[in-house]
């Protein structure tokens, strides 16, 4: 028998008119941009914070790690939240938490309060991207979803990229507290705008919160990301807690979590419904998206800056400028690639994108100490162009293959994957670079980075093979699978 449609406690409204839907999506996009920008804006201030707050470098790193860990713990619960509460309620709660955390961080007298503010910020940020993706799937007609998802791609790709640039400018002229004072009025304006214009109500389900699932999710995703981040920070070096321990513990917790969700979802009571994994197109697109985010964060954000600064001996300013063209290409491709997806589907875009990604990753293996900077920039632009051809189609394809009542859980799964795949890619590539280095210096040398690029090239080949399984048809929802 097929899964029944979920029971509801509220009568759904008809889809809003196109101008109103565009306004609602616009409010969500602006809010998400402000929140994701904050995710990386503090990265350039960590060194100064060690002196201002009187803490060690390892301790101050938790302002970033704690933010990411909180995201990993909260995102899996967003599937439940988006089913239990209306989009308006979730939006207002998200922006309120983010604004409160921003104010707390700006006023923080010491490290503990600043960390608490970052955690509160992360609780609000974690909900926004799944809310945005779910709203697009429910508000935008099938024939225009790709172009709208392209806007989300711009948010996801550009905001983290320009965060450190903006943070550096603010830090140089005003000080680290102004990073929060500048963001706060933007967040409050988005909150006021949403409270005024975001009147979308939807289906809700009166489902009790399963506390054991929340605990297992926190232990599983939190432990996994903590362990992977620990590996990535120093290539698997010495830690107070061996990185493999939280990874193993997290993996075991996730196994129990998955088993419990499969039992609860038979009664539509799962914290994170795993039925999206019964849809072939969702699984293929999700797998390819995972490989994409491994390379986006592990190679473009970690290995390439390391190569520029340790092998080519460029300064931080020059290395930042070197990756700017590629970041702009990735962001600018969002809308046009989305429009092409609406017309031709995912396959004609994803296969060339995966091929460009694989070619660029193998070209990175040919770089050495004498490579010209222009060649590095060109290869990086090719990599970003390939990722740009893939990102929007994969997000739209994965969610578009699901029925309406699974959009929120599919969005939560996709957003969780971004966090875990990025941490996994960073851990793998940095560990390989450290093991392949001829020296024991803190930063990997040219030989170690070459080894890491070779592994990345293999990931690229795997992405090309996976891309061949993307479905040919477009705009169709797969038939409901037979219940397990």
Protein backbone atom coordinates (compact mmCIF):
# COMPACT_ATOMS: atom_id res chain seq x y z
CA UNK A 1 0.00 0.00 0.00
CA UNK A 2 1.14 3.57 -0.52
CA UNK A 3 1.79 6.07 2.21
CA UNK A 4 -1.33 8.07 3.10
CA UNK A 5 -1.30 11.82 2.84
CA UNK A 6 -0.55 13.36 6.23
CA UNK A 7 -3.45 14.50 8.37
CA UNK A 8 -3.71 18.25 8.84
CA UNK A 9 -5.02 20.58 11.46
CA UNK A 10 -5.27 23.63 9.21
CA UNK A 11 -6.88 24.09 5.81
CA UNK A 12 -4.21 25.06 3.29
CA UNK A 13 -4.53 28.36 1.53
CA UNK A 14 -4.56 28.45 -2.26
CA UNK A 15 -1.21 29.36 -3.76
CA UNK A 16 -0.67 33.13 -3.63
CA UNK A 17 -0.69 35.22 -6.76
CA UNK A 18 2.63 35.43 -8.60
CA UNK A 19 3.55 38.98 -7.47
CA UNK A 20 2.80 38.11 -3.85
CA UNK A 21 4.72 34.84 -4.10
CA UNK A 22 7.69 36.75 -5.53
CA UNK A 23 7.56 39.21 -2.64
CA UNK A 24 7.44 36.40 -0.08
CA UNK A 25 10.41 34.61 -1.67
CA UNK A 26 12.26 37.93 -1.86
CA UNK A 27 11.82 38.50 1.89
CA UNK A 28 13.13 35.01 2.60
CA UNK A 29 16.10 35.41 0.25
CA UNK A 30 17.18 38.72 1.79
CA UNK A 31 16.85 37.28 5.29
CA UNK A 32 18.85 34.18 4.35
CA UNK A 33 21.59 36.33 2.76
CA UNK A 34 22.02 38.36 5.94
CA UNK A 35 22.14 35.24 8.09
CA UNK A 36 24.55 33.24 5.91
CA UNK A 37 26.79 36.29 5.52
CA UNK A 38 27.17 36.23 9.31
CA UNK A 39 28.37 32.61 9.19
CA UNK A 40 31.81 33.59 7.84
CA UNK A 41 32.09 37.29 8.65
CA UNK A 42 33.83 36.56 11.97
CA UNK A 43 36.54 34.29 10.53
CA UNK A 44 39.01 37.14 9.95
CA UNK A 45 38.61 38.43 13.52
CA UNK A 46 39.65 35.26 15.35
CA UNK A 47 43.27 36.34 15.78
CA UNK A 48 42.30 39.71 17.26
CA UNK A 49 39.70 38.08 19.52
CA UNK A 50 42.37 35.92 21.16
CA UNK A 51 43.98 39.09 22.53
CA UNK A 52 40.80 41.06 23.26
CA UNK A 53 39.12 38.19 25.11
CA UNK A 54 42.25 36.70 26.68
CA UNK A 55 41.72 33.17 25.34
CA UNK A 56 43.85 30.76 23.32
CA UNK A 57 43.62 30.23 19.56
CA UNK A 58 42.13 26.77 20.11
CA UNK A 59 39.43 28.22 22.36
CA UNK A 60 38.50 31.14 20.11
CA UNK A 61 38.10 28.72 17.18
CA UNK A 62 34.94 27.52 18.91
CA UNK A 63 33.22 30.74 17.81
CA UNK A 64 33.23 29.16 14.35
CA UNK A 65 33.13 25.47 15.28
CA UNK A 66 30.34 26.02 17.80
CA UNK A 67 28.30 27.82 15.17
CA UNK A 68 28.71 24.96 12.68
CA UNK A 69 28.02 22.28 15.30
CA UNK A 70 24.81 24.01 16.34
CA UNK A 71 23.75 24.17 12.70
CA UNK A 72 24.40 20.44 12.33
CA UNK A 73 22.31 19.66 15.42
CA UNK A 74 19.37 21.97 14.64
CA UNK A 75 18.97 21.45 10.87
CA UNK A 76 17.72 17.82 11.13
CA UNK A 77 14.85 19.04 13.33
CA UNK A 78 13.65 21.55 10.73
CA UNK A 79 11.66 18.88 8.88
CA UNK A 80 9.52 18.47 12.01
CA UNK A 81 9.35 22.23 12.67
CA UNK A 82 8.18 23.02 9.13
CA UNK A 83 5.42 20.43 9.46
CA UNK A 84 4.35 21.39 12.96
CA UNK A 85 4.33 25.20 12.53
CA UNK A 86 3.33 27.56 9.71
CA UNK A 87 6.02 29.21 7.54
CA UNK A 88 5.23 32.57 9.15
CA UNK A 89 5.73 31.19 12.67
CA UNK A 90 9.02 29.50 11.72
CA UNK A 91 10.28 32.66 9.96
CA UNK A 92 9.51 34.95 12.89
CA UNK A 93 11.11 32.53 15.36
CA UNK A 94 14.20 32.18 13.15
CA UNK A 95 14.78 35.94 12.73
CA UNK A 96 14.00 36.63 16.39
CA UNK A 97 16.60 34.10 17.53
CA UNK A 98 19.15 35.42 15.06
CA UNK A 99 18.57 39.04 16.11
CA UNK A 100 18.76 38.12 19.79
CA UNK A 101 22.02 36.23 19.24
CA UNK A 102 23.46 39.15 17.27
CA UNK A 103 22.62 41.61 20.05
CA UNK A 104 24.05 39.25 22.66
CA UNK A 105 27.28 38.92 20.66
CA UNK A 106 27.63 42.68 20.18
CA UNK A 107 27.27 43.30 23.93
CA UNK A 108 29.34 40.29 25.03
CA UNK A 109 31.70 41.17 27.92
CA UNK A 110 33.72 37.98 27.47
CA UNK A 111 34.21 34.79 25.49
CA UNK A 112 31.43 32.75 27.16
CA UNK A 113 28.70 35.28 26.34
CA UNK A 114 30.03 35.74 22.81
CA UNK A 115 29.95 31.98 22.24
CA UNK A 116 26.39 31.83 23.62
CA UNK A 117 25.39 34.59 21.21
CA UNK A 118 26.89 32.68 18.28
CA UNK A 119 25.00 29.53 19.29
CA UNK A 120 21.70 31.47 19.43
CA UNK A 121 22.49 32.97 16.02
CA UNK A 122 23.11 29.48 14.62
CA UNK A 123 19.75 28.22 15.94
CA UNK A 124 18.02 30.88 13.88
CA UNK A 125 20.22 30.45 10.81
CA UNK A 126 19.78 26.66 10.70
CA UNK A 127 16.05 26.94 10.04
CA UNK A 128 16.18 29.58 7.30
CA UNK A 129 17.64 27.67 4.31
CA UNK A 130 15.24 24.67 4.66
CA UNK A 131 12.38 27.16 5.06
CA UNK A 132 13.50 29.01 1.93
CA UNK A 133 13.83 25.85 -0.19
CA UNK A 134 10.51 24.43 1.04
CA UNK A 135 8.72 27.72 0.33
CA UNK A 136 10.09 27.82 -3.22
CA UNK A 137 8.83 24.29 -3.88
CA UNK A 138 5.36 25.14 -2.56
CA UNK A 139 4.93 28.66 -3.96
CA UNK A 140 6.68 28.63 -7.34
CA UNK A 141 5.21 26.80 -10.35
CA UNK A 142 7.23 23.87 -11.67
CA UNK A 143 8.18 25.71 -14.85
CA UNK A 144 9.86 28.56 -12.89
CA UNK A 145 11.43 26.69 -9.98
CA UNK A 146 14.87 26.46 -11.52
CA UNK A 147 15.25 30.23 -11.99
CA UNK A 148 14.04 30.86 -8.44
CA UNK A 149 16.37 28.21 -7.03
CA UNK A 150 19.14 29.99 -8.90
CA UNK A 151 18.60 32.96 -6.60
CA UNK A 152 19.10 30.67 -3.62
CA UNK A 153 22.34 29.49 -5.21
CA UNK A 154 23.55 33.08 -5.25
CA UNK A 155 22.76 33.35 -1.53
CA UNK A 156 24.48 30.08 -0.63
CA UNK A 157 27.56 30.72 -2.80
CA UNK A 158 28.16 34.47 -2.60
CA UNK A 159 27.28 35.31 1.00
CA UNK A 160 29.94 33.03 2.59
CA UNK A 161 32.48 34.17 0.01
CA UNK A 162 32.16 37.90 0.70
CA UNK A 163 31.75 37.46 4.46
CA UNK A 164 35.50 37.51 5.22
CA UNK A 165 36.00 40.48 2.86
CA UNK A 166 33.35 42.55 4.62
CA UNK A 167 34.58 41.35 8.01
CA UNK A 168 38.13 42.40 7.20
CA UNK A 169 37.04 45.89 6.15
CA UNK A 170 34.94 46.35 9.31
CA UNK A 171 37.69 44.96 11.53
CA UNK A 172 40.31 47.30 10.08
CA UNK A 173 38.25 50.44 10.64
CA UNK A 174 35.73 49.87 13.43
CA UNK A 175 36.54 46.74 15.49
CA UNK A 176 34.99 43.28 15.84
CA UNK A 177 31.86 44.34 17.77
CA UNK A 178 30.75 46.38 14.76
CA UNK A 179 30.46 43.14 12.77
CA UNK A 180 27.38 42.48 14.89
CA UNK A 181 26.17 46.09 15.22
CA UNK A 182 26.09 46.38 11.42
CA UNK A 183 24.28 43.05 10.96
CA UNK A 184 21.71 43.72 13.72
CA UNK A 185 19.71 46.49 11.97
CA UNK A 186 19.68 44.40 8.78
CA UNK A 187 18.26 41.45 10.73
CA UNK A 188 15.68 43.63 12.48
CA UNK A 189 14.64 45.17 9.16
CA UNK A 190 14.19 41.70 7.66
CA UNK A 191 12.18 40.68 10.72
CA UNK A 192 9.92 43.74 10.43
CA UNK A 193 9.50 43.17 6.69
CA UNK A 194 8.60 39.53 7.22
CA UNK A 195 6.17 40.33 10.04
CA UNK A 196 4.41 42.77 7.70
CA UNK A 197 4.41 40.89 4.41
CA UNK A 198 4.90 37.18 5.18
CA UNK A 199 1.27 36.11 5.64
CA UNK A 200 1.63 32.63 4.22
CA UNK A 201 -0.07 29.94 6.26
CA UNK A 202 0.03 26.26 5.40
CA UNK A 203 -0.69 22.73 6.45
CA UNK A 204 0.36 21.80 9.96
CA UNK A 205 0.34 18.48 11.75
CA UNK A 206 -0.19 17.99 15.47
CA UNK A 207 2.70 15.61 16.00
CA UNK A 208 4.42 15.30 19.38
CA UNK A 209 8.14 15.99 19.51
CA UNK A 210 10.05 12.73 19.92
CA UNK A 211 12.72 13.64 22.47
CA UNK A 212 14.81 10.44 22.00
CA UNK A 213 15.07 11.32 18.29
CA UNK A 214 16.22 14.85 19.15
CA UNK A 215 18.90 13.45 21.46
CA UNK A 216 20.07 10.87 18.91
CA UNK A 217 20.16 13.52 16.19
CA UNK A 218 22.24 15.85 18.35
CA UNK A 219 24.67 13.08 19.32
CA UNK A 220 24.85 11.70 15.78
CA UNK A 221 25.21 14.78 13.62
CA UNK A 222 26.99 16.79 16.32
CA UNK A 223 29.50 14.02 17.04
CA UNK A 224 30.11 13.33 13.36
CA UNK A 225 30.71 16.98 12.49
CA UNK A 226 32.85 17.55 15.59
CA UNK A 227 35.10 14.63 14.73
CA UNK A 228 35.40 15.57 11.06
CA UNK A 229 36.14 19.20 11.97
CA UNK A 230 38.82 18.05 14.43
CA UNK A 231 40.48 16.02 11.68
CA UNK A 232 40.22 18.94 9.27
CA UNK A 233 41.72 21.49 11.66
CA UNK A 234 45.11 19.81 11.83
CA UNK A 235 45.06 16.81 9.55
CA UNK A 236 44.36 14.32 12.28
CA UNK A 237 47.01 15.51 14.70
CA UNK A 238 46.92 15.45 18.48
CA UNK A 239 43.67 16.41 20.23
CA UNK A 240 42.39 16.21 23.76
CA UNK A 241 39.73 13.86 22.36
CA UNK A 242 40.76 11.55 19.49
CA UNK A 243 38.76 12.63 16.40
CA UNK A 244 37.78 9.06 15.57
CA UNK A 245 35.96 8.68 18.88
CA UNK A 246 33.17 11.24 18.22
CA UNK A 247 33.00 10.04 14.60
CA UNK A 248 32.36 6.44 15.65
CA UNK A 249 29.98 7.51 18.41
CA UNK A 250 28.14 9.82 16.02
CA UNK A 251 27.85 7.12 13.37
CA UNK A 252 26.38 4.66 15.88
CA UNK A 253 23.92 7.29 17.11
CA UNK A 254 22.88 7.98 13.51
CA UNK A 255 22.24 4.28 12.90
CA UNK A 256 19.91 4.17 15.89
CA UNK A 257 18.38 7.49 14.81
CA UNK A 258 17.64 6.12 11.33
CA UNK A 259 16.12 2.93 12.74
CA UNK A 260 13.86 4.95 15.03
CA UNK A 261 12.75 7.29 12.22
CA UNK A 262 11.74 4.38 9.99
CA UNK A 263 9.50 3.12 12.77
CA UNK A 264 8.02 6.52 13.63
CA UNK A 265 7.38 7.54 10.04
CA UNK A 266 4.91 4.66 9.64
CA UNK A 267 2.64 6.74 11.90
CA UNK A 268 3.80 10.09 10.43
CA UNK A 269 5.52 10.96 13.71
CA UNK A 270 9.18 11.01 12.63
CA UNK A 271 11.41 13.92 13.60
CA UNK A 272 13.13 13.61 10.20
CA UNK A 273 11.14 11.55 7.71
CA UNK A 274 13.53 9.37 5.72
CA UNK A 275 11.07 8.45 2.94
CA UNK A 276 12.77 10.90 0.53
CA UNK A 277 15.51 8.25 0.32
CA UNK A 278 13.00 5.90 -1.36
CA UNK A 279 12.93 8.19 -4.41
CA UNK A 280 15.68 7.33 -6.88
CA UNK A 281 16.05 10.83 -8.34
CA UNK A 282 16.37 12.35 -4.88
CA UNK A 283 19.12 9.89 -3.91
CA UNK A 284 21.11 10.42 -7.12
CA UNK A 285 20.88 14.22 -6.90
CA UNK A 286 21.68 14.13 -3.17
CA UNK A 287 24.76 11.96 -3.75
CA UNK A 288 26.04 14.28 -6.46
CA UNK A 289 25.33 17.33 -4.30
CA UNK A 290 27.40 15.75 -1.53
CA UNK A 291 30.37 15.32 -3.89
CA UNK A 292 29.88 18.92 -5.03
CA UNK A 293 29.98 20.36 -1.51
CA UNK A 294 33.02 18.22 -0.66
CA UNK A 295 34.92 19.95 -3.47
CA UNK A 296 33.40 23.40 -2.95
CA UNK A 297 34.43 23.59 0.70
CA UNK A 298 37.34 21.15 0.81
CA UNK A 299 39.15 22.26 -2.34
CA UNK A 300 37.99 25.79 -3.20
CA UNK A 301 37.77 27.06 0.37
CA UNK A 302 40.64 25.14 2.03
CA UNK A 303 43.20 23.54 -0.32
CA UNK A 304 43.44 26.36 -2.85
CA UNK A 305 44.11 29.13 -0.28
CA UNK A 306 46.70 26.83 1.34
CA UNK A 307 48.39 26.34 -2.02
CA UNK A 308 48.40 30.06 -2.77
CA UNK A 309 49.82 31.04 0.62
CA UNK A 310 52.24 28.18 1.37
CA UNK A 311 53.46 27.20 -2.10
CA UNK A 312 53.16 30.39 -4.17
CA UNK A 313 53.86 32.55 -1.07
CA UNK A 314 51.10 35.06 -1.79
CA UNK A 315 49.68 37.21 1.01
CA UNK A 316 46.16 36.84 2.36
CA UNK A 317 44.98 39.88 0.37
CA UNK A 318 46.29 38.52 -2.94
CA UNK A 319 44.95 35.03 -2.26
CA UNK A 320 41.56 36.53 -1.48
CA UNK A 321 41.55 38.46 -4.74
CA UNK A 322 42.67 35.35 -6.66
CA UNK A 323 39.57 33.37 -5.73
CA UNK A 324 37.18 36.30 -6.20
CA UNK A 325 36.62 35.81 -9.98
CA UNK A 326 35.61 32.20 -9.47
CA UNK A 327 33.25 33.12 -6.65
CA UNK A 328 31.61 35.75 -8.83
CA UNK A 329 31.21 33.24 -11.67
CA UNK A 330 29.52 30.78 -9.31
CA UNK A 331 27.11 33.42 -8.08
CA UNK A 332 26.35 34.94 -11.50
CA UNK A 333 25.54 31.54 -13.00
CA UNK A 334 22.71 30.95 -10.51
CA UNK A 335 19.81 32.64 -12.34
CA UNK A 336 20.72 31.78 -15.98
CA UNK A 337 21.46 28.15 -15.11
CA UNK A 338 18.13 27.98 -13.25
CA UNK A 339 16.34 29.29 -16.35
CA UNK A 340 18.11 26.68 -18.50
CA UNK A 341 17.01 24.00 -16.03
CA UNK A 342 13.40 25.10 -16.40
CA UNK A 343 13.71 24.66 -20.16
CA UNK A 344 15.94 21.62 -20.60
CA UNK A 345 16.07 19.80 -17.26
CA UNK A 346 19.01 18.81 -15.07
CA UNK A 347 20.86 16.25 -17.17
CA UNK A 348 22.13 18.55 -20.00
CA UNK A 349 23.56 20.89 -17.34
CA UNK A 350 24.81 18.51 -14.67
CA UNK A 351 26.89 16.23 -16.94
CA UNK A 352 28.93 19.10 -18.49
CA UNK A 353 29.19 20.69 -15.02
CA UNK A 354 30.55 17.50 -13.46
CA UNK A 355 32.97 17.10 -16.38
CA UNK A 356 34.27 20.67 -15.93
CA UNK A 357 34.64 20.04 -12.20
CA UNK A 358 36.64 16.84 -12.78
CA UNK A 359 38.88 18.43 -15.43
CA UNK A 360 39.67 21.42 -13.21
CA UNK A 361 40.46 19.20 -10.22
CA UNK A 362 42.94 17.18 -12.29
CA UNK A 363 44.46 20.40 -13.66
CA UNK A 364 45.14 21.40 -10.05
CA UNK A 365 47.41 18.34 -9.77
CA UNK A 366 49.72 19.88 -12.40
CA UNK A 367 50.36 23.00 -10.32
CA UNK A 368 53.69 23.46 -8.57
CA UNK A 369 55.89 26.13 -6.96
CA UNK A 370 56.55 27.77 -10.32
CA UNK A 371 52.98 27.87 -11.62
CA UNK A 372 51.76 31.32 -12.73
CA UNK A 373 49.01 32.90 -10.66
CA UNK A 374 46.93 33.47 -13.80
CA UNK A 375 46.80 29.69 -14.39
CA UNK A 376 45.54 29.11 -10.84
CA UNK A 377 42.83 31.73 -11.30
CA UNK A 378 41.79 30.23 -14.64
CA UNK A 379 41.51 26.71 -13.23
CA UNK A 380 39.54 28.00 -10.25
CA UNK A 381 37.11 29.82 -12.56
CA UNK A 382 36.62 26.55 -14.51
CA UNK A 383 35.93 24.72 -11.23
CA UNK A 384 33.39 27.32 -10.13
CA UNK A 385 31.72 27.29 -13.55
CA UNK A 386 31.31 23.51 -13.28
CA UNK A 387 29.89 23.79 -9.78
CA UNK A 388 27.58 26.58 -10.97
CA UNK A 389 26.18 24.34 -13.71
CA UNK A 390 25.44 21.67 -11.09
CA UNK A 391 24.28 23.41 -7.92
CA UNK A 392 20.91 24.88 -8.94
CA UNK A 393 19.78 21.87 -11.02
CA UNK A 394 20.70 19.44 -8.24
CA UNK A 395 18.81 21.34 -5.53
CA UNK A 396 15.75 21.70 -7.75
CA UNK A 397 15.92 18.14 -9.09
CA UNK A 398 16.27 16.54 -5.67
CA UNK A 399 13.29 18.32 -4.13
CA UNK A 400 11.23 18.32 -7.33
CA UNK A 401 11.14 14.52 -7.33
CA UNK A 402 9.31 14.49 -3.96
CA UNK A 403 5.60 14.84 -3.17
CA UNK A 404 4.46 18.00 -1.41
CA UNK A 405 4.27 16.53 2.08
CA UNK A 406 7.96 15.52 1.97
CA UNK A 407 9.38 18.87 0.79
CA UNK A 408 10.24 20.04 4.31
CA UNK A 409 12.02 16.80 5.24
CA UNK A 410 13.84 16.70 1.88
CA UNK A 411 15.03 20.27 2.44
CA UNK A 412 16.27 19.38 5.92
CA UNK A 413 18.16 16.37 4.56
CA UNK A 414 19.73 18.47 1.80
CA UNK A 415 20.79 21.23 4.21
CA UNK A 416 22.24 18.68 6.65
CA UNK A 417 24.20 17.09 3.81
CA UNK A 418 25.83 20.43 3.00
CA UNK A 419 27.24 20.66 6.53
CA UNK A 420 28.41 17.04 6.75
CA UNK A 421 29.80 16.82 3.20
CA UNK A 422 31.73 20.05 3.63
CA UNK A 423 33.25 18.87 6.91
CA UNK A 424 34.00 15.44 5.42
CA UNK A 425 35.68 16.91 2.34
CA UNK A 426 37.79 19.24 4.47
CA UNK A 427 38.82 16.39 6.79
CA UNK A 428 39.77 14.05 3.94
CA UNK A 429 41.71 16.56 1.84
CA UNK A 430 43.56 18.23 4.73
CA UNK A 431 44.48 14.83 6.23
CA UNK A 432 45.82 13.57 2.88
CA UNK A 433 47.77 16.82 2.43
CA UNK A 434 49.32 16.46 5.89
CA UNK A 435 50.23 12.78 5.38
CA UNK A 436 51.69 13.46 1.94
CA UNK A 437 53.92 16.34 3.05
CA UNK A 438 57.63 15.73 3.24
CA UNK A 439 57.97 18.05 6.25
CA UNK A 440 56.26 18.19 9.63
CA UNK A 441 55.44 21.90 9.39
CA UNK A 442 51.94 23.01 10.46
CA UNK A 443 51.03 23.81 6.84
CA UNK A 444 51.27 21.14 4.11
CA UNK A 445 53.92 21.50 1.41
CA UNK A 446 53.64 21.20 -2.37
CA UNK A 447 53.89 17.37 -2.30
CA UNK A 448 51.13 17.05 0.27
CA UNK A 449 48.82 19.42 -1.60
CA UNK A 450 49.51 17.51 -4.84
CA UNK A 451 48.36 14.29 -3.12
CA UNK A 452 45.22 16.01 -1.89
CA UNK A 453 44.43 17.35 -5.37
CA UNK A 454 44.83 13.81 -6.78
CA UNK A 455 42.22 12.54 -4.28
CA UNK A 456 39.98 15.46 -5.24
CA UNK A 457 40.41 14.51 -8.90
CA UNK A 458 39.17 11.01 -8.09
CA UNK A 459 36.13 12.56 -6.41
CA UNK A 460 35.56 14.51 -9.63
CA UNK A 461 35.62 11.31 -11.70
CA UNK A 462 33.10 9.78 -9.29
CA UNK A 463 30.90 12.85 -9.78
CA UNK A 464 30.95 12.42 -13.57
CA UNK A 465 29.90 8.77 -13.22
CA UNK A 466 27.11 9.70 -10.79
CA UNK A 467 25.89 12.47 -13.12
CA UNK A 468 25.14 9.87 -15.79
CA UNK A 469 22.33 8.55 -13.57
CA UNK A 470 20.45 11.88 -13.48
CA UNK A 471 16.99 11.31 -14.93
CA UNK A 472 16.18 12.48 -18.44
CA UNK A 473 12.64 13.70 -17.80
CA UNK A 474 11.90 16.99 -16.06
CA UNK A 475 8.97 18.45 -14.16
CA UNK A 476 7.62 15.08 -13.04
CA UNK A 477 7.11 13.80 -9.54
CA UNK A 478 8.04 10.17 -9.10
CA UNK A 479 5.21 7.81 -8.17
CA UNK A 480 4.80 7.19 -4.45
CA UNK A 481 7.00 4.23 -3.45
CA UNK A 482 5.54 1.21 -1.80
CA UNK A 483 5.76 1.57 1.99
CA UNK A 484 8.37 -0.54 3.73
